[in-house]
Amino acid sequence: MLLLAGSTGFGQQWAKDMFDHTSHDFGTVARGAKVEHTFTLENIYVEDAEIKEIRSTCGCTTTKISQSLLKTWEKAEIVVVVDTRAYLGQRDSTLTVVLSKPFPAEVRLHVHCYIRSDVVVQPGAVRFGSVPQGVDATRKVTVSYAGRNDWRIERVESHAAHLQAQAVETGRAAGQVTYELVVNLTGGAPVGYVRDHVVLVTNDTNPRAARVPVLVEGVVVSPLSVRPSPLLLGVVQVGQSVTRRLVVQGVKPFRIVAAECSDKRFRLAVPQESKNIQLLPVTFESDEASGKVTGTIGIETDRGRGQRLEVKVHVQVVP
């Protein structure tokens, strides 16, 4: 790390290596649409990493960060939000992420989008809220267009198997066209956050303007959940141990019948009572080997209906 920090050619690369990607193009978006993108970074070093500030070259973008101080293997999310109500046309923004630890560095993130004024989505996203696992849910938004009399939405595309969508024309007069966008979230959707897009394919002659994405978001709730996931135990010295707790939660009281890890250096103390919330201590006892250790914890309950909860666990062993 000292060598990297002292090199003018590679002094910033160590910081850039923590990001999964550094550029995103939203393409063409409708006015009023909710436009967000997440950049993820992971501290892959033993030293703590700290984000001091984030600067933007365009007032059209704002940022939110999940946490600024990252221990080893901890992750943070930088959410970039584009204001599609106050700004129109081509928007290009450079975000400068300034790090103060372990060494001063800057990483530049690039965001591009074209906001068209003739198409408006209300509300700005398809929001499902919380949906129980295995249950179908339907939401509707309005798509309005002002311009050509022959403008139309030819089809709606979705790359997610659990999202089905169609556009139904509800009005057309004097260059004003209105559609109702109906989106169905099927019961086969996996547990967790739903953050995807459906794409309105129009008959616009401009290829860039012909495809308009609409954000779809929500959360599929399981009868049983476990957090944090993944479980990060941080840094431990050779021959030492560390303990953290998993929280297993259910809508009804339940009992953990078994819990184990694929790596036998992880020990789990299974509670015996039946509760809505179970605290499951996880202890890692290191041997003489150093390096990154990754395992999978499997949890079985009396109300899991044969389903097995799994959590990835990570720890860094140092001399």
C-alpha atoms as a PDB file:
ATOM      1  CA  MET A   1       0.000   0.000   0.000  1.00  0.00           C
ATOM      2  CA  LEU A   2       2.843   2.413   0.771  1.00  0.00           C
ATOM      3  CA  LEU A   3       4.379   1.729  -2.630  1.00  0.00           C
ATOM      4  CA  LEU A   4       1.046   2.344  -4.333  1.00  0.00           C
ATOM      5  CA  ALA A   5       0.450   5.572  -2.436  1.00  0.00           C
ATOM      6  CA  GLY A   6       3.885   6.873  -3.333  1.00  0.00           C
ATOM      7  CA  SER A   7       3.614   6.219  -7.055  1.00  0.00           C
ATOM      8  CA  THR A   8       2.255   9.001  -9.256  1.00  0.00           C
ATOM      9  CA  GLY A   9       1.218   6.482 -11.898  1.00  0.00           C
ATOM     10  CA  PHE A  10      -0.674   4.107  -9.639  1.00  0.00           C
ATOM     11  CA  GLY A  11      -1.452   6.235  -6.578  1.00  0.00           C
ATOM     12  CA  GLN A  12      -5.191   6.332  -7.335  1.00  0.00           C
ATOM     13  CA  GLN A  13      -5.636   2.824  -8.726  1.00  0.00           C
ATOM     14  CA  TRP A  14      -5.862   1.165  -5.291  1.00  0.00           C
ATOM     15  CA  ALA A  15      -8.969   3.245  -4.564  1.00  0.00           C
ATOM     16  CA  LYS A  16     -10.543   2.593  -7.972  1.00  0.00           C
ATOM     17  CA  ASP A  17     -10.051  -1.158  -7.465  1.00  0.00           C
ATOM     18  CA  MET A  18     -12.594  -1.068  -4.620  1.00  0.00           C
ATOM     19  CA  PHE A  19     -15.430  -0.130  -7.028  1.00  0.00           C
ATOM     20  CA  ASP A  20     -17.373  -2.732  -9.022  1.00  0.00           C
ATOM     21  CA  HIS A  21     -17.783  -0.193 -11.864  1.00  0.00           C
ATOM     22  CA  THR A  22     -17.268   3.539 -12.386  1.00  0.00           C
ATOM     23  CA  SER A  23     -19.634   4.501 -15.227  1.00  0.00           C
ATOM     24  CA  HIS A  24     -23.349   4.187 -15.999  1.00  0.00           C
ATOM     25  CA  ASP A  25     -25.542   5.344 -18.904  1.00  0.00           C
ATOM     26  CA  PHE A  26     -29.285   5.559 -18.159  1.00  0.00           C
ATOM     27  CA  GLY A  27     -30.077   6.053 -21.841  1.00  0.00           C
ATOM     28  CA  THR A  28     -33.303   7.960 -22.554  1.00  0.00           C
ATOM     29  CA  VAL A  29     -35.622   8.568 -19.577  1.00  0.00           C
ATOM     30  CA  ALA A  30     -39.024  10.207 -19.250  1.00  0.00           C
ATOM     31  CA  ARG A  31     -39.574  13.517 -17.522  1.00  0.00           C
ATOM     32  CA  GLY A  32     -40.602  12.995 -13.900  1.00  0.00           C
ATOM     33  CA  ALA A  33     -39.319   9.421 -13.856  1.00  0.00           C
ATOM     34  CA  LYS A  34     -37.387   8.230 -10.822  1.00  0.00           C
ATOM     35  CA  VAL A  35     -33.838   7.689 -12.027  1.00  0.00           C
ATOM     36  CA  GLU A  36     -31.337   6.132  -9.613  1.00  0.00           C
ATOM     37  CA  HIS A  37     -28.225   4.002  -9.902  1.00  0.00           C
ATOM     38  CA  THR A  38     -26.025   2.357  -7.279  1.00  0.00           C
ATOM     39  CA  PHE A  39     -22.237   2.172  -7.348  1.00  0.00           C
ATOM     40  CA  THR A  40     -20.874  -0.407  -4.894  1.00  0.00           C
ATOM     41  CA  LEU A  41     -17.446  -0.321  -3.316  1.00  0.00           C
ATOM     42  CA  GLU A  42     -15.790  -2.889  -1.046  1.00  0.00           C
ATOM     43  CA  ASN A  43     -12.808  -2.367   1.234  1.00  0.00           C
ATOM     44  CA  ILE A  44     -10.449  -5.105   0.017  1.00  0.00           C
ATOM     45  CA  TYR A  45      -7.608  -3.958   2.294  1.00  0.00           C
ATOM     46  CA  VAL A  46      -6.665  -4.580   5.931  1.00  0.00           C
ATOM     47  CA  GLU A  47      -6.639  -0.832   6.673  1.00  0.00           C
ATOM     48  CA  ASP A  48      -9.872   1.108   7.206  1.00  0.00           C
ATOM     49  CA  ALA A  49     -11.169   3.071   4.205  1.00  0.00           C
ATOM     50  CA  GLU A  50     -13.043   6.336   4.706  1.00  0.00           C
ATOM     51  CA  ILE A  51     -14.982   8.480   2.231  1.00  0.00           C
ATOM     52  CA  LYS A  52     -14.579  12.156   3.105  1.00  0.00           C
ATOM     53  CA  GLU A  53     -16.935  13.711   0.537  1.00  0.00           C
ATOM     54  CA  ILE A  54     -18.535  13.330  -2.901  1.00  0.00           C
ATOM     55  CA  ARG A  55     -18.576  16.221  -5.377  1.00  0.00           C
ATOM     56  CA  SER A  56     -20.693  16.504  -8.532  1.00  0.00           C
ATOM     57  CA  THR A  57     -20.102  18.560 -11.679  1.00  0.00           C
ATOM     58  CA  CYS A  58     -23.859  18.825 -12.393  1.00  0.00           C
ATOM     59  CA  GLY A  59     -26.650  20.087 -10.173  1.00  0.00           C
ATOM     60  CA  CYS A  60     -28.902  17.502 -11.805  1.00  0.00           C
ATOM     61  CA  THR A  61     -27.379  14.704  -9.689  1.00  0.00           C
ATOM     62  CA  THR A  62     -27.369  14.147  -5.942  1.00  0.00           C
ATOM     63  CA  THR A  63     -25.786  11.297  -4.001  1.00  0.00           C
ATOM     64  CA  LYS A  64     -26.504   9.236  -0.911  1.00  0.00           C
ATOM     65  CA  ILE A  65     -23.974   6.910   0.735  1.00  0.00           C
ATOM     66  CA  SER A  66     -24.877   4.000   3.010  1.00  0.00           C
ATOM     67  CA  GLN A  67     -21.743   4.381   5.185  1.00  0.00           C
ATOM     68  CA  SER A  68     -18.539   6.381   4.968  1.00  0.00           C
ATOM     69  CA  LEU A  69     -16.163   4.266   7.105  1.00  0.00           C
ATOM     70  CA  LEU A  70     -15.457   0.735   5.867  1.00  0.00           C
ATOM     71  CA  LYS A  71     -13.669  -2.011   7.752  1.00  0.00           C
ATOM     72  CA  THR A  72     -12.047  -4.906   5.880  1.00  0.00           C
ATOM     73  CA  TRP A  73     -14.518  -6.559   3.419  1.00  0.00           C
ATOM     74  CA  GLU A  74     -17.298  -4.145   4.350  1.00  0.00           C
ATOM     75  CA  LYS A  75     -19.297  -2.714   1.458  1.00  0.00           C
ATOM     76  CA  ALA A  76     -20.919   0.661   0.874  1.00  0.00           C
ATOM     77  CA  GLU A  77     -23.403   1.839  -1.711  1.00  0.00           C
ATOM     78  CA  ILE A  78     -23.306   5.242  -3.394  1.00  0.00           C
ATOM     79  CA  VAL A  79     -26.782   5.944  -4.774  1.00  0.00           C
ATOM     80  CA  VAL A  80     -26.883   8.531  -7.570  1.00  0.00           C
ATOM     81  CA  VAL A  81     -30.231  10.296  -8.120  1.00  0.00           C
ATOM     82  CA  VAL A  82     -30.953  12.306 -11.286  1.00  0.00           C
ATOM     83  CA  ASP A  83     -33.479  15.171 -11.098  1.00  0.00           C
ATOM     84  CA  THR A  84     -35.700  14.611 -14.146  1.00  0.00           C
ATOM     85  CA  ARG A  85     -38.188  17.361 -13.247  1.00  0.00           C
ATOM     86  CA  ALA A  86     -35.936  20.414 -13.179  1.00  0.00           C
ATOM     87  CA  TYR A  87     -33.571  19.315 -15.969  1.00  0.00           C
ATOM     88  CA  LEU A  88     -34.088  18.238 -19.578  1.00  0.00           C
ATOM     89  CA  GLY A  89     -31.982  17.063 -22.505  1.00  0.00           C
ATOM     90  CA  GLN A  90     -28.559  15.444 -22.382  1.00  0.00           C
ATOM     91  CA  ARG A  91     -27.083  15.340 -18.894  1.00  0.00           C
ATOM     92  CA  ASP A  92     -23.526  14.188 -18.189  1.00  0.00           C
ATOM     93  CA  SER A  93     -22.217  14.255 -14.644  1.00  0.00           C
ATOM     94  CA  THR A  94     -18.873  13.378 -13.074  1.00  0.00           C
ATOM     95  CA  LEU A  95     -18.908  12.466  -9.395  1.00  0.00           C
ATOM     96  CA  THR A  96     -15.616  12.743  -7.511  1.00  0.00           C
ATOM     97  CA  VAL A  97     -15.393  10.402  -4.520  1.00  0.00           C
ATOM     98  CA  VAL A  98     -12.762  11.759  -2.118  1.00  0.00           C
ATOM     99  CA  LEU A  99     -11.160   9.225   0.250  1.00  0.00           C
ATOM    100  CA  SER A 100      -9.133  10.221   3.306  1.00  0.00           C
ATOM    101  CA  LYS A 101      -8.124   6.732   4.513  1.00  0.00           C
ATOM    102  CA  PRO A 102      -5.932   4.749   4.317  1.00  0.00           C
ATOM    103  CA  PHE A 103      -4.388   7.347   1.967  1.00  0.00           C
ATOM    104  CA  PRO A 104      -5.786  10.454   0.238  1.00  0.00           C
ATOM    105  CA  ALA A 105      -7.243   9.523  -3.154  1.00  0.00           C
ATOM    106  CA  GLU A 106      -9.997  10.456  -5.607  1.00  0.00           C
ATOM    107  CA  VAL A 107     -12.166   8.205  -7.785  1.00  0.00           C
ATOM    108  CA  ARG A 108     -14.315   9.630 -10.585  1.00  0.00           C
ATOM    109  CA  LEU A 109     -17.709   8.124 -11.382  1.00  0.00           C
ATOM    110  CA  HIS A 110     -19.452   9.042 -14.644  1.00  0.00           C
ATOM    111  CA  VAL A 111     -23.231   9.202 -15.185  1.00  0.00           C
ATOM    112  CA  HIS A 112     -25.025   9.930 -18.485  1.00  0.00           C
ATOM    113  CA  CYS A 113     -28.698  10.266 -19.427  1.00  0.00           C
ATOM    114  CA  TYR A 114     -31.041  12.010 -21.860  1.00  0.00           C
ATOM    115  CA  ILE A 115     -34.244  13.392 -20.303  1.00  0.00           C
ATOM    116  CA  ARG A 116     -37.011  13.790 -22.882  1.00  0.00           C
ATOM    117  CA  SER A 117     -39.726  16.362 -22.203  1.00  0.00           C
ATOM    118  CA  ASP A 118     -42.498  14.908 -24.352  1.00  0.00           C
ATOM    119  CA  VAL A 119     -42.976  11.742 -22.275  1.00  0.00           C
ATOM    120  CA  VAL A 120     -44.059  11.956 -18.619  1.00  0.00           C
ATOM    121  CA  VAL A 121     -44.428   9.043 -16.165  1.00  0.00           C
ATOM    122  CA  GLN A 122     -46.668   9.578 -13.115  1.00  0.00           C
ATOM    123  CA  PRO A 123     -45.779   8.570 -10.485  1.00  0.00           C
ATOM    124  CA  GLY A 124     -42.099   8.432 -11.392  1.00  0.00           C
ATOM    125  CA  ALA A 125     -41.682   4.715 -10.620  1.00  0.00           C
ATOM    126  CA  VAL A 126     -43.702   1.519 -10.208  1.00  0.00           C
ATOM    127  CA  ARG A 127     -43.634   1.019  -6.433  1.00  0.00           C
ATOM    128  CA  PHE A 128     -44.793  -2.302  -4.981  1.00  0.00           C
ATOM    129  CA  GLY A 129     -43.816  -1.671  -1.368  1.00  0.00           C
ATOM    130  CA  SER A 130     -43.710  -4.876   0.710  1.00  0.00           C
ATOM    131  CA  VAL A 131     -45.087  -8.020  -0.938  1.00  0.00           C
ATOM    132  CA  PRO A 132     -45.274 -11.421   0.833  1.00  0.00           C
ATOM    133  CA  GLN A 133     -43.276 -14.173  -0.831  1.00  0.00           C
ATOM    134  CA  GLY A 134     -45.359 -16.323  -3.198  1.00  0.00           C
ATOM    135  CA  VAL A 135     -48.077 -13.675  -3.707  1.00  0.00           C
ATOM    136  CA  ASP A 136     -48.809 -11.934  -7.037  1.00  0.00           C
ATOM    137  CA  ALA A 137     -49.069  -8.131  -6.951  1.00  0.00           C
ATOM    138  CA  THR A 138     -50.098  -5.538  -9.568  1.00  0.00           C
ATOM    139  CA  ARG A 139     -49.349  -1.820  -9.772  1.00  0.00           C
ATOM    140  CA  LYS A 140     -50.252   0.837 -12.380  1.00  0.00           C
ATOM    141  CA  VAL A 141     -48.718   4.130 -13.511  1.00  0.00           C
ATOM    142  CA  THR A 142     -49.747   6.665 -16.167  1.00  0.00           C
ATOM    143  CA  VAL A 143     -47.610   7.440 -19.223  1.00  0.00           C
ATOM    144  CA  SER A 144     -48.446  10.691 -21.062  1.00  0.00           C
ATOM    145  CA  TYR A 145     -47.097  11.948 -24.385  1.00  0.00           C
ATOM    146  CA  ALA A 146     -47.412  15.303 -26.155  1.00  0.00           C
ATOM    147  CA  GLY A 147     -46.352  15.626 -29.803  1.00  0.00           C
ATOM    148  CA  ARG A 148     -47.109  13.457 -32.832  1.00  0.00           C
ATOM    149  CA  ASN A 149     -50.625  12.195 -33.439  1.00  0.00           C
ATOM    150  CA  ASP A 150     -49.342   8.746 -34.458  1.00  0.00           C
ATOM    151  CA  TRP A 151     -47.047   8.190 -31.467  1.00  0.00           C
ATOM    152  CA  ARG A 152     -47.559   4.871 -29.693  1.00  0.00           C
ATOM    153  CA  ILE A 153     -46.018   2.325 -27.350  1.00  0.00           C
ATOM    154  CA  GLU A 154     -45.520  -0.804 -29.433  1.00  0.00           C
ATOM    155  CA  ARG A 155     -44.619  -3.154 -26.591  1.00  0.00           C
ATOM    156  CA  VAL A 156     -43.178  -3.338 -23.068  1.00  0.00           C
ATOM    157  CA  GLU A 157     -40.048  -5.388 -22.439  1.00  0.00           C
ATOM    158  CA  SER A 158     -38.818  -6.889 -19.183  1.00  0.00           C
ATOM    159  CA  HIS A 159     -35.644  -8.889 -18.686  1.00  0.00           C
ATOM    160  CA  ALA A 160     -36.758 -10.123 -15.244  1.00  0.00           C
ATOM    161  CA  ALA A 161     -38.734 -13.370 -15.279  1.00  0.00           C
ATOM    162  CA  HIS A 162     -40.816 -12.258 -12.271  1.00  0.00           C
ATOM    163  CA  LEU A 163     -41.978  -8.994 -13.933  1.00  0.00           C
ATOM    164  CA  GLN A 164     -44.740  -8.895 -16.544  1.00  0.00           C
ATOM    165  CA  ALA A 165     -45.959  -5.618 -18.037  1.00  0.00           C
ATOM    166  CA  GLN A 166     -48.272  -4.232 -20.691  1.00  0.00           C
ATOM    167  CA  ALA A 167     -49.282  -0.748 -21.855  1.00  0.00           C
ATOM    168  CA  VAL A 168     -52.997  -0.059 -22.441  1.00  0.00           C
ATOM    169  CA  GLU A 169     -53.939   3.057 -24.420  1.00  0.00           C
ATOM    170  CA  THR A 170     -56.524   5.132 -22.557  1.00  0.00           C
ATOM    171  CA  GLY A 171     -56.670   8.334 -24.605  1.00  0.00           C
ATOM    172  CA  ARG A 172     -55.616   9.979 -27.889  1.00  0.00           C
ATOM    173  CA  ALA A 173     -56.581  13.461 -29.124  1.00  0.00           C
ATOM    174  CA  ALA A 174     -54.828  16.474 -30.709  1.00  0.00           C
ATOM    175  CA  GLY A 175     -51.328  15.079 -30.217  1.00  0.00           C
ATOM    176  CA  GLN A 176     -51.996  14.067 -26.608  1.00  0.00           C
ATOM    177  CA  VAL A 177     -51.615  10.316 -25.947  1.00  0.00           C
ATOM    178  CA  THR A 178     -52.165   8.546 -22.624  1.00  0.00           C
ATOM    179  CA  TYR A 179     -51.319   4.983 -21.618  1.00  0.00           C
ATOM    180  CA  GLU A 180     -51.841   2.975 -18.462  1.00  0.00           C
ATOM    181  CA  LEU A 181     -48.755   0.889 -17.694  1.00  0.00           C
ATOM    182  CA  VAL A 182     -49.751  -2.275 -15.800  1.00  0.00           C
ATOM    183  CA  VAL A 183     -46.919  -4.187 -14.095  1.00  0.00           C
ATOM    184  CA  ASN A 184     -47.356  -7.564 -12.405  1.00  0.00           C
ATOM    185  CA  LEU A 185     -44.894  -8.964  -9.865  1.00  0.00           C
ATOM    186  CA  THR A 186     -45.330 -12.743  -9.901  1.00  0.00           C
ATOM    187  CA  GLY A 187     -45.277 -14.990  -6.855  1.00  0.00           C
ATOM    188  CA  GLY A 188     -42.042 -16.544  -8.100  1.00  0.00           C
ATOM    189  CA  ALA A 189     -40.047 -13.411  -7.307  1.00  0.00           C
ATOM    190  CA  PRO A 190     -37.075 -14.143  -5.012  1.00  0.00           C
ATOM    191  CA  VAL A 191     -36.936 -12.793  -1.486  1.00  0.00           C
ATOM    192  CA  GLY A 192     -35.235  -9.422  -1.158  1.00  0.00           C
ATOM    193  CA  TYR A 193     -35.280  -6.014  -2.788  1.00  0.00           C
ATOM    194  CA  VAL A 194     -36.752  -5.689  -6.268  1.00  0.00           C
ATOM    195  CA  ARG A 195     -34.997  -2.999  -8.263  1.00  0.00           C
ATOM    196  CA  ASP A 196     -35.379  -3.404 -11.994  1.00  0.00           C
ATOM    197  CA  HIS A 197     -36.772  -1.709 -15.105  1.00  0.00           C
ATOM    198  CA  VAL A 198     -39.430  -2.343 -17.668  1.00  0.00           C
ATOM    199  CA  VAL A 199     -38.752  -0.706 -21.040  1.00  0.00           C
ATOM    200  CA  LEU A 200     -41.350   1.106 -23.134  1.00  0.00           C
ATOM    201  CA  VAL A 201     -40.547   0.440 -26.786  1.00  0.00           C
ATOM    202  CA  THR A 202     -42.073   3.274 -28.868  1.00  0.00           C
ATOM    203  CA  ASN A 203     -42.319   4.009 -32.579  1.00  0.00           C
ATOM    204  CA  ASP A 204     -39.908   6.971 -32.345  1.00  0.00           C
ATOM    205  CA  THR A 205     -37.600   7.048 -35.349  1.00  0.00           C
ATOM    206  CA  ASN A 206     -34.604   8.064 -33.207  1.00  0.00           C
ATOM    207  CA  PRO A 207     -33.152   4.774 -31.893  1.00  0.00           C
ATOM    208  CA  ARG A 208     -31.921   6.455 -28.694  1.00  0.00           C
ATOM    209  CA  ALA A 209     -35.371   7.896 -27.918  1.00  0.00           C
ATOM    210  CA  ALA A 210     -37.339   4.796 -28.898  1.00  0.00           C
ATOM    211  CA  ARG A 211     -36.654   2.950 -25.632  1.00  0.00           C
ATOM    212  CA  VAL A 212     -37.827   4.519 -22.358  1.00  0.00           C
ATOM    213  CA  PRO A 213     -37.052   2.663 -19.094  1.00  0.00           C
ATOM    214  CA  VAL A 214     -39.415   2.835 -16.110  1.00  0.00           C
ATOM    215  CA  LEU A 215     -38.088   1.948 -12.670  1.00  0.00           C
ATOM    216  CA  VAL A 216     -39.752  -0.880 -10.720  1.00  0.00           C
ATOM    217  CA  GLU A 217     -38.975  -1.234  -7.013  1.00  0.00           C
ATOM    218  CA  GLY A 218     -40.248  -3.061  -3.963  1.00  0.00           C
ATOM    219  CA  VAL A 219     -39.310  -5.754  -1.479  1.00  0.00           C
ATOM    220  CA  VAL A 220     -40.403  -9.398  -1.344  1.00  0.00           C
ATOM    221  CA  VAL A 221     -40.729 -10.387   2.304  1.00  0.00           C
ATOM    222  CA  SER A 222     -40.006 -13.930   3.474  1.00  0.00           C
ATOM    223  CA  PRO A 223     -41.786 -15.559   6.447  1.00  0.00           C
ATOM    224  CA  LEU A 224     -38.227 -15.943   7.783  1.00  0.00           C
ATOM    225  CA  SER A 225     -35.278 -13.596   7.318  1.00  0.00           C
ATOM    226  CA  VAL A 226     -31.708 -13.382   8.585  1.00  0.00           C
ATOM    227  CA  ARG A 227     -29.401 -10.395   8.974  1.00  0.00           C
ATOM    228  CA  PRO A 228     -26.767  -9.190   8.489  1.00  0.00           C
ATOM    229  CA  SER A 229     -26.198 -10.975   5.227  1.00  0.00           C
ATOM    230  CA  PRO A 230     -23.393 -11.418   4.451  1.00  0.00           C
ATOM    231  CA  LEU A 231     -21.894 -11.642   7.945  1.00  0.00           C
ATOM    232  CA  LEU A 232     -18.568  -9.770   8.159  1.00  0.00           C
ATOM    233  CA  LEU A 233     -16.362 -10.740  11.103  1.00  0.00           C
ATOM    234  CA  GLY A 234     -13.614  -8.265  10.240  1.00  0.00           C
ATOM    235  CA  VAL A 235      -9.952  -8.886  11.019  1.00  0.00           C
ATOM    236  CA  VAL A 236      -8.676 -11.492  13.497  1.00  0.00           C
ATOM    237  CA  GLN A 237      -5.108 -12.458  14.348  1.00  0.00           C
ATOM    238  CA  VAL A 238      -3.752 -15.978  13.883  1.00  0.00           C
ATOM    239  CA  GLY A 239      -4.698 -18.164  16.858  1.00  0.00           C
ATOM    240  CA  GLN A 240      -7.403 -15.760  18.067  1.00  0.00           C
ATOM    241  CA  SER A 241     -11.213 -15.902  17.894  1.00  0.00           C
ATOM    242  CA  VAL A 242     -14.047 -13.495  17.152  1.00  0.00           C
ATOM    243  CA  THR A 243     -17.811 -13.709  17.799  1.00  0.00           C
ATOM    244  CA  ARG A 244     -20.715 -11.938  16.112  1.00  0.00           C
ATOM    245  CA  ARG A 245     -24.465 -12.575  16.208  1.00  0.00           C
ATOM    246  CA  LEU A 246     -26.950 -13.278  13.435  1.00  0.00           C
ATOM    247  CA  VAL A 247     -30.546 -12.120  13.873  1.00  0.00           C
ATOM    248  CA  VAL A 248     -33.124 -14.581  12.533  1.00  0.00           C
ATOM    249  CA  GLN A 249     -36.647 -13.125  12.430  1.00  0.00           C
ATOM    250  CA  GLY A 250     -40.055 -14.592  11.604  1.00  0.00           C
ATOM    251  CA  VAL A 251     -43.644 -13.356  11.462  1.00  0.00           C
ATOM    252  CA  LYS A 252     -44.571 -16.075  13.980  1.00  0.00           C
ATOM    253  CA  PRO A 253     -42.628 -17.761  16.823  1.00  0.00           C
ATOM    254  CA  PHE A 254     -40.235 -20.449  15.549  1.00  0.00           C
ATOM    255  CA  ARG A 255     -37.331 -22.568  16.732  1.00  0.00           C
ATOM    256  CA  ILE A 256     -33.938 -23.115  15.106  1.00  0.00           C
ATOM    257  CA  VAL A 257     -33.469 -26.881  14.805  1.00  0.00           C
ATOM    258  CA  ALA A 258     -30.009 -26.879  13.221  1.00  0.00           C
ATOM    259  CA  ALA A 259     -27.262 -24.477  12.154  1.00  0.00           C
ATOM    260  CA  GLU A 260     -23.848 -25.245  10.742  1.00  0.00           C
ATOM    261  CA  CYS A 261     -21.106 -23.778   8.569  1.00  0.00           C
ATOM    262  CA  SER A 262     -19.245 -25.313   5.653  1.00  0.00           C
ATOM    263  CA  ASP A 263     -15.971 -24.335   7.377  1.00  0.00           C
ATOM    264  CA  LYS A 264     -15.559 -26.130  10.714  1.00  0.00           C
ATOM    265  CA  ARG A 265     -13.601 -23.218  12.192  1.00  0.00           C
ATOM    266  CA  PHE A 266     -16.984 -21.485  12.575  1.00  0.00           C
ATOM    267  CA  ARG A 267     -19.006 -22.594  15.614  1.00  0.00           C
ATOM    268  CA  LEU A 268     -22.692 -21.750  16.099  1.00  0.00           C
ATOM    269  CA  ALA A 269     -24.536 -21.759  19.428  1.00  0.00           C
ATOM    270  CA  VAL A 270     -28.126 -22.765  18.572  1.00  0.00           C
ATOM    271  CA  PRO A 271     -30.779 -21.337  20.960  1.00  0.00           C
ATOM    272  CA  GLN A 272     -33.446 -23.763  22.165  1.00  0.00           C
ATOM    273  CA  GLU A 273     -36.464 -21.497  22.760  1.00  0.00           C
ATOM    274  CA  SER A 274     -39.260 -20.648  20.342  1.00  0.00           C
ATOM    275  CA  LYS A 275     -39.367 -16.905  19.546  1.00  0.00           C
ATOM    276  CA  ASN A 276     -40.162 -14.412  16.797  1.00  0.00           C
ATOM    277  CA  ILE A 277     -36.559 -13.168  16.911  1.00  0.00           C
ATOM    278  CA  GLN A 278     -33.609 -15.504  17.455  1.00  0.00           C
ATOM    279  CA  LEU A 279     -30.042 -14.386  18.202  1.00  0.00           C
ATOM    280  CA  LEU A 280     -27.539 -16.870  16.792  1.00  0.00           C
ATOM    281  CA  PRO A 281     -23.920 -16.379  17.997  1.00  0.00           C
ATOM    282  CA  VAL A 282     -21.263 -17.217  15.398  1.00  0.00           C
ATOM    283  CA  THR A 283     -17.680 -17.771  16.614  1.00  0.00           C
ATOM    284  CA  PHE A 284     -14.647 -18.113  14.365  1.00  0.00           C
ATOM    285  CA  GLU A 285     -11.535 -19.743  15.838  1.00  0.00           C
ATOM    286  CA  SER A 286      -8.519 -19.209  13.594  1.00  0.00           C
ATOM    287  CA  ASP A 287      -5.697 -21.695  13.136  1.00  0.00           C
ATOM    288  CA  GLU A 288      -2.181 -20.951  11.938  1.00  0.00           C
ATOM    289  CA  ALA A 289      -3.237 -20.079   8.351  1.00  0.00           C
ATOM    290  CA  SER A 290      -3.640 -16.431   7.380  1.00  0.00           C
ATOM    291  CA  GLY A 291      -5.675 -14.940   4.549  1.00  0.00           C
ATOM    292  CA  LYS A 292      -9.308 -14.362   3.640  1.00  0.00           C
ATOM    293  CA  VAL A 293     -11.734 -17.037   4.903  1.00  0.00           C
ATOM    294  CA  THR A 294     -15.207 -17.426   3.394  1.00  0.00           C
ATOM    295  CA  GLY A 295     -17.896 -19.880   4.465  1.00  0.00           C
ATOM    296  CA  THR A 296     -21.625 -20.525   4.136  1.00  0.00           C
ATOM    297  CA  ILE A 297     -23.853 -20.809   7.200  1.00  0.00           C
ATOM    298  CA  GLY A 298     -26.963 -22.961   6.801  1.00  0.00           C
ATOM    299  CA  ILE A 299     -29.924 -22.491   9.172  1.00  0.00           C
ATOM    300  CA  GLU A 300     -32.939 -24.809   9.442  1.00  0.00           C
ATOM    301  CA  THR A 301     -36.068 -24.016  11.472  1.00  0.00           C
ATOM    302  CA  ASP A 302     -39.298 -25.786  12.414  1.00  0.00           C
ATOM    303  CA  ARG A 303     -41.273 -23.338  10.235  1.00  0.00           C
ATOM    304  CA  GLY A 304     -39.074 -23.218   7.161  1.00  0.00           C
ATOM    305  CA  ARG A 305     -41.237 -25.674   5.174  1.00  0.00           C
ATOM    306  CA  GLY A 306     -38.100 -27.439   4.033  1.00  0.00           C
ATOM    307  CA  GLN A 307     -36.392 -24.192   3.072  1.00  0.00           C
ATOM    308  CA  ARG A 308     -32.859 -23.558   4.271  1.00  0.00           C
ATOM    309  CA  LEU A 309     -31.614 -20.086   5.133  1.00  0.00           C
ATOM    310  CA  GLU A 310     -28.062 -19.454   3.946  1.00  0.00           C
ATOM    311  CA  VAL A 311     -25.676 -16.654   4.874  1.00  0.00           C
ATOM    312  CA  LYS A 312     -22.188 -16.007   3.531  1.00  0.00           C
ATOM    313  CA  VAL A 313     -19.594 -15.268   6.244  1.00  0.00           C
ATOM    314  CA  HIS A 314     -16.229 -13.569   5.707  1.00  0.00           C
ATOM    315  CA  VAL A 315     -13.225 -13.007   7.973  1.00  0.00           C
ATOM    316  CA  GLN A 316      -9.651 -11.846   7.360  1.00  0.00           C
ATOM    317  CA  VAL A 317      -6.914 -13.666   9.303  1.00  0.00           C
ATOM    318  CA  VAL A 318      -3.653 -11.731   9.715  1.00  0.00           C
ATOM    319  CA  PRO A 319      -0.328 -12.610  11.371  1.00  0.00           C
END
